[in-house]
Protein backbone atom coordinates (compact mmCIF):
# COMPACT_ATOMS: atom_id res chain seq x y z
CA MET A 1 0.00 0.00 0.00
CA LYS A 2 2.79 2.40 0.97
CA GLN A 3 4.60 1.61 -2.27
CA GLU A 4 1.52 2.49 -4.33
CA ILE A 5 1.10 5.78 -2.46
CA LYS A 6 4.75 6.63 -3.14
CA ARG A 7 4.29 5.87 -6.84
CA ILE A 8 1.17 8.05 -6.99
CA ILE A 9 3.05 10.88 -5.24
CA LEU A 10 5.97 10.54 -7.66
CA VAL A 11 3.61 10.63 -10.64
CA LEU A 12 1.84 13.70 -9.23
CA VAL A 13 5.16 15.47 -8.56
CA GLY A 14 6.30 14.65 -12.10
CA LEU A 15 3.06 15.96 -13.60
CA CYS A 16 3.27 19.11 -11.47
CA LEU A 17 6.88 19.73 -12.54
CA ALA A 18 5.96 19.18 -16.20
CA PHE A 19 2.99 21.54 -15.83
CA ILE A 20 5.12 24.20 -14.11
CA SER A 21 7.84 23.84 -16.78
CA LEU A 22 5.22 24.32 -19.49
CA ILE A 23 3.90 27.48 -17.78
CA VAL A 24 7.44 28.86 -17.36
CA TYR A 25 8.25 28.12 -21.01
CA ILE A 26 5.05 29.71 -22.33
CA SER A 27 5.53 32.73 -20.06
CA PHE A 28 9.15 33.13 -21.17
CA PHE A 29 8.10 32.81 -24.81
CA GLN A 30 5.32 35.38 -24.43
CA VAL A 31 7.48 37.89 -22.55
CA PHE A 32 10.83 37.57 -24.32
CA LYS A 33 10.31 35.87 -27.69
CA ALA A 34 6.81 36.79 -28.88
CA THR A 35 7.82 40.13 -30.40
CA THR A 36 10.81 38.60 -32.20
CA VAL A 37 8.70 35.83 -33.72
CA LYS A 38 5.84 38.19 -34.55
CA ASN A 39 8.15 40.61 -36.37
CA ASN A 40 10.20 37.94 -38.12
CA SER A 41 10.08 38.75 -41.82
CA TYR A 42 9.29 35.11 -42.63
CA ASN A 43 6.26 34.98 -40.33
CA LYS A 44 3.42 34.17 -42.72
CA ARG A 45 0.85 35.80 -40.43
CA LEU A 46 2.42 39.16 -41.26
CA TRP A 47 1.16 38.74 -44.79
CA ILE A 48 -2.51 38.17 -43.89
CA ASN A 49 -3.20 41.90 -43.55
CA GLU A 50 -1.43 42.65 -46.81
CA GLU A 51 -4.05 40.79 -48.80
CA SER A 52 -6.55 43.57 -48.21
CA ILE A 53 -4.44 46.69 -47.45
CA LEU A 54 -2.73 49.00 -49.93
CA ARG A 55 0.78 49.27 -48.51
CA GLY A 56 2.01 52.84 -47.98
CA SER A 57 4.61 54.59 -50.12
CA PHE A 58 8.13 55.83 -49.37
CA LEU A 59 9.02 59.45 -50.15
CA ASP A 60 12.32 61.30 -49.98
CA ARG A 61 12.67 64.47 -47.87
CA ASN A 62 11.33 66.58 -50.77
CA GLY A 63 8.26 64.41 -51.38
CA LYS A 64 9.67 62.45 -54.33
CA THR A 65 8.07 58.99 -54.58
CA LEU A 66 10.61 56.20 -54.21
CA VAL A 67 8.40 53.14 -53.63
CA TYR A 68 4.65 52.61 -54.01
CA SER A 69 2.04 49.86 -54.33
CA GLU A 70 -0.85 49.48 -56.76
CA LYS A 71 -3.67 46.99 -57.10
CA LYS A 72 -3.18 44.35 -59.78
CA ASP A 73 -6.05 41.91 -60.26
CA SER A 74 -6.90 40.65 -56.78
CA SER A 75 -3.59 41.53 -55.12
CA TYR A 76 -1.19 44.45 -54.67
CA GLU A 77 2.08 44.92 -56.53
CA ARG A 78 5.06 46.73 -54.98
CA HIS A 79 7.05 49.09 -57.23
CA TYR A 80 10.65 49.98 -56.37
CA LEU A 81 11.47 52.86 -58.67
CA TYR A 82 15.22 52.92 -57.95
CA GLY A 83 16.12 49.22 -57.71
CA ARG A 84 19.60 49.45 -56.16
CA LEU A 85 19.71 52.94 -54.72
CA TYR A 86 17.67 52.22 -51.59
CA SER A 87 18.29 48.48 -51.25
CA HIS A 88 19.91 48.92 -47.83
CA ILE A 89 17.64 51.71 -46.57
CA ILE A 90 14.10 50.91 -47.70
CA GLY A 91 14.95 47.27 -48.31
CA TYR A 92 12.29 44.97 -49.76
CA SER A 93 9.01 43.21 -49.05
CA TYR A 94 8.43 39.89 -50.81
CA ARG A 95 6.28 36.99 -49.64
CA GLU A 96 8.93 34.47 -50.71
CA TYR A 97 11.93 36.25 -49.17
CA GLY A 98 10.46 38.19 -46.28
CA LYS A 99 11.16 41.81 -45.47
CA ALA A 100 14.26 43.91 -44.84
CA GLY A 101 15.17 47.53 -44.12
CA LEU A 102 12.48 50.09 -43.39
CA GLU A 103 9.96 47.80 -45.07
CA LEU A 104 10.40 45.54 -42.05
CA GLN A 105 11.04 48.12 -39.31
CA TYR A 106 7.99 50.22 -40.28
CA ASN A 107 5.74 47.40 -41.45
CA ASN A 108 2.87 48.25 -39.08
CA GLN A 109 2.89 51.93 -40.06
CA LEU A 110 2.96 51.07 -43.76
CA LEU A 111 -0.12 48.87 -43.22
CA ASN A 112 -1.72 51.25 -40.71
CA ILE A 113 -2.15 48.49 -38.15
CA SER A 114 -1.50 48.37 -34.41
CA GLU A 115 1.05 46.30 -32.51
CA ASN A 116 -1.90 44.97 -30.50
CA ALA A 117 -3.71 42.17 -32.36
CA ALA A 118 -6.89 42.58 -30.26
CA ILE A 119 -7.10 46.26 -31.14
CA ASN A 120 -6.68 45.39 -34.82
CA GLU A 121 -9.54 42.91 -34.66
CA LEU A 122 -11.82 45.47 -32.99
CA LYS A 123 -10.75 48.18 -35.41
CA ASN A 124 -11.46 45.96 -38.42
CA LEU A 125 -14.94 45.20 -37.13
CA VAL A 126 -15.77 48.90 -36.82
CA SER A 127 -13.85 50.30 -39.77
CA PRO A 128 -11.69 47.91 -41.82
CA THR A 129 -8.25 49.26 -42.82
CA THR A 130 -7.81 49.39 -46.59
CA GLU A 131 -4.90 51.83 -46.98
CA GLY A 132 -1.61 52.13 -45.16
CA ASN A 133 0.43 55.18 -44.22
CA ASN A 134 3.26 56.77 -46.17
CA ILE A 135 6.81 57.16 -44.87
CA LYS A 136 8.83 60.30 -45.61
CA ILE A 137 12.54 59.67 -45.09
CA THR A 138 15.28 62.25 -44.48
CA ILE A 139 17.30 61.17 -47.52
CA ASP A 140 17.78 63.67 -50.34
CA HIS A 141 17.35 61.66 -53.54
CA GLU A 142 19.78 63.73 -55.59
CA LEU A 143 22.51 63.44 -52.96
CA GLN A 144 21.85 59.72 -52.54
CA THR A 145 22.30 59.29 -56.30
CA LYS A 146 25.52 61.32 -56.25
CA ALA A 147 26.93 59.36 -53.31
CA ARG A 148 26.30 56.03 -55.03
CA ASN A 149 27.89 57.28 -58.25
CA LEU A 150 30.98 58.36 -56.31
CA LEU A 151 31.22 54.94 -54.66
CA LYS A 152 30.44 52.94 -57.79
CA GLY A 153 32.85 50.08 -58.43
CA LYS A 154 34.17 50.09 -54.86
CA LYS A 155 33.28 48.49 -51.53
CA GLY A 156 32.40 50.68 -48.60
CA SER A 157 30.00 53.34 -47.42
CA ILE A 158 29.25 57.06 -47.56
CA ILE A 159 27.08 58.81 -44.99
CA ALA A 160 26.08 62.47 -44.89
CA MET A 161 24.01 63.90 -42.06
CA ASN A 162 22.96 67.18 -40.50
CA PRO A 163 25.17 67.47 -37.39
CA VAL A 164 22.68 69.69 -35.56
CA ASN A 165 19.34 67.88 -35.99
CA GLY A 166 20.63 64.38 -36.86
CA GLU A 167 18.81 63.97 -40.19
CA VAL A 168 20.64 61.61 -42.57
CA TYR A 169 20.85 63.13 -46.06
CA ALA A 170 22.54 60.16 -47.76
CA MET A 171 23.53 56.65 -46.74
CA VAL A 172 25.06 54.39 -49.36
CA SER A 173 26.56 50.93 -48.98
CA LEU A 174 28.27 49.02 -51.78
CA PRO A 175 28.07 46.40 -53.05
CA ASP A 176 24.29 46.57 -53.20
CA PHE A 177 21.61 44.61 -55.06
CA ASP A 178 18.64 45.23 -57.34
CA VAL A 179 15.48 44.92 -55.26
CA ASN A 180 13.42 44.42 -58.41
CA ARG A 181 15.41 41.31 -59.35
CA ILE A 182 15.42 39.51 -56.00
CA LYS A 183 13.34 36.61 -57.33
CA GLU A 184 15.68 36.04 -60.25
CA ASP A 185 18.95 36.77 -58.44
CA TRP A 186 18.33 35.55 -54.86
CA LYS A 187 20.69 32.56 -55.06
CA THR A 188 23.46 34.65 -56.60
CA ILE A 189 22.96 37.51 -54.11
CA THR A 190 23.07 35.25 -51.05
CA GLU A 191 26.13 33.32 -52.26
CA ARG A 192 28.29 36.26 -53.30
CA PRO A 193 31.48 36.50 -51.18
CA ASP A 194 31.28 40.31 -51.00
CA SER A 195 27.98 40.14 -49.04
CA PRO A 196 25.75 42.64 -50.90
CA LEU A 197 22.88 42.12 -48.43
CA ILE A 198 24.89 43.70 -45.59
CA ASN A 199 24.32 47.39 -44.99
CA ARG A 200 27.92 48.40 -44.41
CA ALA A 201 26.87 51.83 -43.10
CA THR A 202 25.22 50.34 -40.03
CA GLN A 203 26.35 46.70 -39.91
CA GLY A 204 29.93 46.94 -41.15
CA LEU A 205 32.59 46.95 -38.41
CA TYR A 206 35.88 48.43 -39.60
CA GLU A 207 39.25 49.35 -38.18
CA PRO A 208 38.98 53.16 -38.14
CA GLY A 209 42.66 53.99 -38.41
CA SER A 210 43.55 57.62 -37.85
CA VAL A 211 40.00 59.00 -37.90
CA PHE A 212 39.83 57.56 -34.35
CA LYS A 213 42.44 60.15 -33.36
CA VAL A 214 39.60 62.67 -33.14
CA ILE A 215 38.30 60.71 -30.15
CA THR A 216 41.81 60.27 -28.73
CA THR A 217 42.38 64.02 -29.06
CA ALA A 218 39.17 64.71 -27.12
CA ALA A 219 40.50 62.43 -24.36
CA PHE A 220 43.89 64.17 -24.31
CA LEU A 221 42.19 67.54 -23.86
CA GLU A 222 40.48 66.17 -20.76
CA ASP A 223 43.90 65.63 -19.14
CA GLU A 224 45.07 69.06 -18.01
CA ASP A 225 48.42 67.64 -16.86
CA MET A 226 49.38 66.12 -20.21
CA ASP A 227 52.42 67.64 -21.88
CA ILE A 228 51.18 68.40 -25.39
CA THR A 229 54.67 68.79 -26.87
CA TYR A 230 56.51 65.94 -28.52
CA ASP A 231 59.62 65.36 -30.63
CA CYS A 232 58.74 62.96 -33.45
CA THR A 233 61.55 60.86 -34.92
CA GLY A 234 59.24 58.77 -37.11
CA THR A 235 59.30 55.72 -34.82
CA ALA A 236 58.37 54.96 -31.20
CA ASN A 237 58.71 51.81 -29.12
CA VAL A 238 55.76 51.04 -26.86
CA GLY A 239 55.79 47.86 -24.81
CA GLY A 240 58.39 46.29 -27.08
CA TYR A 241 56.50 47.04 -30.33
CA GLU A 242 57.76 49.64 -32.80
CA PHE A 243 55.12 52.04 -34.10
CA THR A 244 55.96 54.12 -37.16
CA ASP A 245 54.64 57.18 -38.91
CA TYR A 246 53.63 57.07 -42.57
CA ASN A 247 56.80 56.26 -44.52
CA LYS A 248 58.63 56.66 -41.18
CA LYS A 249 58.54 60.42 -41.69
CA ALA A 250 59.98 62.36 -38.75
CA HIS A 251 57.74 65.35 -38.00
CA GLY A 252 60.16 66.89 -35.52
CA SER A 253 58.87 69.04 -32.67
CA LEU A 254 55.09 69.40 -32.67
CA ASP A 255 52.09 70.00 -30.43
CA LEU A 256 48.67 68.31 -30.33
CA LYS A 257 47.21 70.54 -33.05
CA ARG A 258 49.99 69.76 -35.49
CA ALA A 259 50.04 66.10 -34.46
CA LEU A 260 46.38 65.71 -35.50
CA ALA A 261 46.88 67.70 -38.71
CA GLU A 262 49.89 65.59 -39.71
CA SER A 263 48.28 62.41 -38.29
CA CYS A 264 51.43 61.64 -36.31
CA ASN A 265 51.07 58.03 -35.11
CA THR A 266 53.97 58.09 -32.68
CA TYR A 267 52.59 61.16 -30.91
CA PHE A 268 49.29 59.44 -30.20
CA THR A 269 50.76 56.05 -29.31
CA THR A 270 53.20 57.57 -26.84
CA LYS A 271 50.76 60.02 -25.24
CA SER A 272 47.98 57.43 -24.95
CA VAL A 273 50.07 55.39 -22.52
CA GLU A 274 50.61 58.53 -20.44
CA VAL A 275 46.88 59.32 -20.07
CA GLY A 276 45.75 55.70 -19.71
CA LYS A 277 43.04 53.47 -21.14
CA ASP A 278 40.19 54.60 -18.88
CA LEU A 279 40.24 58.24 -20.00
CA ILE A 280 40.34 57.28 -23.69
CA GLY A 281 37.74 54.54 -23.16
CA ASN A 282 35.34 56.81 -21.28
CA THR A 283 35.65 59.39 -24.05
CA ALA A 284 34.95 56.73 -26.67
CA ASP A 285 31.85 55.72 -24.70
CA LYS A 286 30.58 59.31 -24.84
CA PHE A 287 31.00 59.23 -28.63
CA MET A 288 28.66 56.18 -28.53
CA LEU A 289 31.23 53.40 -28.97
CA ASN A 290 30.33 50.36 -26.87
CA ASN A 291 26.75 51.66 -26.85
CA LYS A 292 23.55 50.85 -28.66
CA ILE A 293 22.81 53.62 -31.17
CA PRO A 294 19.07 54.29 -31.50
CA PHE A 295 18.22 54.38 -35.20
CA ASP A 296 15.47 53.44 -37.61
CA LEU A 297 17.57 50.48 -38.79
CA PRO A 298 19.54 47.98 -36.67
CA VAL A 299 23.09 49.18 -35.88
CA LYS A 300 25.98 47.07 -34.65
CA ASN A 301 27.82 48.38 -31.59
CA SER A 302 31.23 49.88 -32.27
CA GLN A 303 33.92 48.39 -30.04
CA PHE A 304 36.66 49.83 -27.84
CA PRO A 305 37.14 47.06 -25.24
CA TYR A 306 39.06 49.07 -22.65
CA LYS A 307 37.36 47.53 -19.63
CA GLY A 308 39.10 44.21 -20.20
CA LEU A 309 42.82 43.51 -20.30
CA LEU A 310 44.55 46.06 -22.51
CA ASP A 311 48.32 46.29 -22.24
CA LYS A 312 50.44 49.28 -23.27
CA THR A 313 50.96 48.05 -26.82
CA GLU A 314 47.26 47.30 -27.33
CA LEU A 315 46.30 50.69 -25.90
CA ALA A 316 48.79 52.46 -28.16
CA ALA A 317 47.38 50.61 -31.19
CA ALA A 318 43.80 51.46 -30.15
CA ALA A 319 44.67 55.14 -29.78
CA ILE A 320 45.41 55.28 -33.51
CA GLY A 321 42.36 53.21 -34.47
CA GLN A 322 44.06 49.86 -34.84
CA GLY A 323 44.16 46.69 -32.75
CA LYS A 324 40.90 45.89 -31.04
CA VAL A 325 38.97 48.98 -32.14
CA LEU A 326 36.11 48.44 -34.62
CA VAL A 327 33.54 51.02 -35.70
CA THR A 328 30.55 51.45 -37.99
CA PRO A 329 30.60 54.25 -40.57
CA LEU A 330 27.40 55.64 -38.99
CA ASN A 331 29.14 55.93 -35.63
CA MET A 332 32.05 57.83 -37.19
CA ALA A 333 29.65 60.21 -38.93
CA MET A 334 28.22 60.84 -35.46
CA VAL A 335 31.74 61.53 -34.12
CA ALA A 336 32.24 64.20 -36.78
CA SER A 337 28.77 65.56 -36.01
CA GLY A 338 29.57 65.72 -32.32
CA ILE A 339 32.61 67.93 -32.89
CA ALA A 340 30.64 70.08 -35.37
CA ASN A 341 27.80 70.44 -32.86
CA GLY A 342 29.86 71.80 -29.98
CA GLY A 343 30.40 68.40 -28.39
CA GLN A 344 26.75 67.27 -28.49
CA VAL A 345 26.16 63.94 -30.22
CA VAL A 346 22.62 63.77 -31.60
CA LYS A 347 20.54 60.74 -32.49
CA PRO A 348 20.69 59.98 -36.23
CA ILE A 349 17.28 60.16 -37.93
CA LEU A 350 16.33 58.30 -41.11
CA VAL A 351 12.53 58.48 -40.99
CA LYS A 352 11.35 62.08 -40.98
CA GLU A 353 7.56 61.61 -40.80
CA VAL A 354 4.77 59.06 -40.95
CA LEU A 355 1.92 60.44 -43.07
CA SER A 356 -1.65 59.32 -43.55
CA LYS A 357 -2.93 58.83 -47.10
CA ASP A 358 -4.45 62.32 -47.02
CA GLY A 359 -1.12 63.86 -45.96
CA LYS A 360 -1.77 64.29 -42.26
CA VAL A 361 1.38 64.04 -40.12
CA LEU A 362 0.88 61.12 -37.72
CA LYS A 363 4.40 60.97 -36.30
CA THR A 364 7.52 63.13 -36.49
CA ASN A 365 10.98 62.04 -35.39
CA THR A 366 12.53 64.94 -33.50
CA THR A 367 16.10 65.76 -32.53
CA GLU A 368 17.45 64.07 -29.41
CA ILE A 369 20.81 64.67 -27.76
CA LEU A 370 22.42 61.33 -26.88
CA SER A 371 25.56 62.55 -25.18
CA LEU A 372 27.82 65.48 -24.40
CA ALA A 373 30.98 63.85 -25.72
CA THR A 374 33.26 66.80 -24.96
CA ASP A 375 32.71 70.34 -23.74
CA PRO A 376 32.16 73.17 -26.27
CA ILE A 377 35.61 74.68 -25.67
CA ASN A 378 37.39 71.42 -26.44
CA ALA A 379 35.07 70.72 -29.38
CA ASN A 380 36.07 74.09 -30.83
CA LEU A 381 39.77 73.31 -30.31
CA ILE A 382 39.37 69.98 -32.12
CA LYS A 383 37.44 71.69 -34.90
CA GLU A 384 40.35 74.08 -35.48
CA MET A 385 42.76 71.13 -35.52
CA MET A 386 40.58 69.42 -38.13
CA VAL A 387 40.50 72.62 -40.17
CA GLU A 388 44.30 72.65 -40.03
CA ALA A 389 44.32 69.02 -41.22
CA VAL A 390 42.37 70.04 -44.33
CA ASN A 391 44.21 73.32 -44.94
CA SER A 392 47.77 72.04 -44.63
CA GLY A 393 47.76 68.44 -43.35
CA THR A 394 46.71 65.08 -44.70
CA GLY A 395 43.22 66.18 -45.78
CA THR A 396 44.01 68.85 -48.38
CA ARG A 397 41.99 67.04 -51.06
CA ALA A 398 38.82 67.82 -49.07
CA ARG A 399 39.31 71.58 -49.45
CA ILE A 400 36.45 73.64 -50.91
CA LYS A 401 37.08 77.07 -52.35
CA ASN A 402 35.80 79.86 -50.07
CA VAL A 403 34.51 77.30 -47.52
CA LYS A 404 36.24 76.37 -44.28
CA VAL A 405 36.28 72.56 -44.05
CA ALA A 406 37.14 70.49 -40.98
CA GLY A 407 38.26 66.91 -41.49
CA LYS A 408 40.42 63.96 -40.56
CA THR A 409 41.84 61.26 -42.80
CA GLY A 410 42.51 57.65 -41.90
CA THR A 411 44.35 54.72 -43.43
CA ALA A 412 43.57 51.56 -41.49
CA GLU A 413 45.71 48.43 -41.71
CA THR A 414 43.76 45.17 -41.97
CA SER A 415 44.50 41.46 -41.61
CA SER A 416 44.09 41.09 -45.39
CA GLY A 417 47.05 43.39 -45.98
CA LYS A 418 44.85 45.86 -47.88
CA SER A 419 44.10 49.08 -46.01
CA HIS A 420 40.77 50.86 -45.57
CA ALA A 421 40.68 54.51 -46.66
CA TRP A 422 38.72 56.85 -44.35
CA PHE A 423 37.64 60.46 -44.12
CA ILE A 424 35.35 62.14 -41.60
CA GLY A 425 34.59 65.85 -41.47
CA PHE A 426 32.09 68.67 -41.69
CA ALA A 427 31.47 71.99 -43.43
CA PRO A 428 31.23 74.93 -43.25
CA ALA A 429 33.37 74.59 -40.13
CA ASP A 430 31.95 77.64 -38.33
CA GLU A 431 28.28 77.02 -39.25
CA PRO A 432 28.11 73.30 -40.02
CA LYS A 433 25.43 72.12 -42.42
CA VAL A 434 26.74 68.64 -43.10
CA ALA A 435 28.94 66.00 -41.50
CA VAL A 436 30.31 63.10 -43.52
CA ALA A 437 31.96 59.73 -43.12
CA VAL A 438 33.52 57.88 -46.06
CA VAL A 439 35.12 54.44 -45.82
CA LEU A 440 36.54 52.58 -48.80
CA GLU A 441 36.96 48.94 -47.85
CA GLU A 442 40.35 47.42 -48.67
CA GLU A 443 41.04 50.30 -51.05
CA ASN A 444 44.78 49.94 -50.38
CA SER A 445 45.17 53.69 -50.63
CA THR A 446 45.33 56.52 -48.11
CA GLY A 447 42.26 58.29 -46.81
CA GLY A 448 43.67 61.61 -47.99
CA THR A 449 44.06 60.33 -51.54
CA ALA A 450 40.92 58.22 -52.01
CA ALA A 451 38.25 59.18 -49.47
CA ALA A 452 38.78 62.92 -48.96
CA PRO A 453 37.81 63.94 -52.55
CA MET A 454 34.53 62.00 -52.25
CA ALA A 455 33.74 63.71 -48.96
CA ARG A 456 34.48 67.09 -50.50
CA ASP A 457 32.00 66.48 -53.34
CA ILE A 458 29.30 65.38 -50.89
CA MET A 459 29.79 68.40 -48.62
CA LEU A 460 29.80 70.79 -51.55
CA HIS A 461 26.52 69.34 -52.87
CA VAL A 462 24.80 69.78 -49.51
CA ILE A 463 26.05 73.35 -49.11
CA ASN A 464 24.79 74.30 -52.57
CA ASN A 465 21.55 72.31 -52.73
CA ILE A 466 20.04 71.45 -49.35
CA ASN A 467 18.43 74.20 -47.32
CA GLU A 468 16.85 73.55 -43.93
């Protein structure tokens, strides 16, 4: 009898544990996984609403139609008017291949449906939704076209943004793909070794090279006890590793301003050890490295892993944008914007407004300050150093006649042996209208030679054609 009771108790305990485990699993799924599954671009339930709703259009900042839908027979057909140009921004929406880009991130707004399924059901009973909302993005179509033409035939990214309000004027990533030919080219696109589906502007992590010296300079200015003078011989030994300047050029006696203008590696490697990893790391944090950047598209976190083990040699390498430092082009555009904006780093904005079909503004993305990366006095000092870099340093090919330009070049060594070419900057320096970041992946050329001229053309276009 006792044995039977024990068996019954064991069975009951087992059933109770199984029941509790099921409740815990369902609760965990509902709380932590439901949104991910619901928003997965391959979730077939996402397409149920699309059978009866005219999906909203995408417009550029001037109201130019970029993407729209029209009824064809018993369904709706999506038209991408500029197949490649917005493949990484607007993305695509296909039943067979899911959704990507803003098509995915703003799916509910484009269909004019709520996140809450119960509310949708009630709404459809009272007044069924037949038309979605339109999305006006901050991109200037003409500048986007120009940026892609400048980058054509290369790998990399160009970003231009307003440093004061955060609006992104252009964001190009190459290689790209033709959204209109996804059905025909899907196998080729997904198997290409150069990864055309990746948005390099937000998802590409690159060694920044000397453009990172802008952040290092901001850290140096925080240390009032640092001796800003230095005698450059072209080489410097840090922790047993020899760092060299470009072509081992000896710059002689120079201060911080000239060191940034000439992009003197040995100055920054030597001084970084003096100020320490925490000061440089904390400054990098304030420029949004190691932080999640709020944006209308997913952004990978840039990395400056100073909180772990970082010896003198690794710190010296990081101070010049090598070693363990990796950044996204978007983050570096924000660094340039932060200096242009008196030290304030603003949230980048890609979607300007959500509009109803009759043109009513339903939502506006407004400017938000993310961080005070450096104080206005130091930001102004760095600005003047960047102006010097363009006037007489490594960035002379970014000069614009009658316009004061601030900039910094970078040439980043990579494991492949082919260097990335970088340029970040802004113009006009005293009343900034545009900040830029250009990275040419494995260009095997210097930033001053390859990236600076592209940045100049982008800045000049904004100055002459975009008025806020």
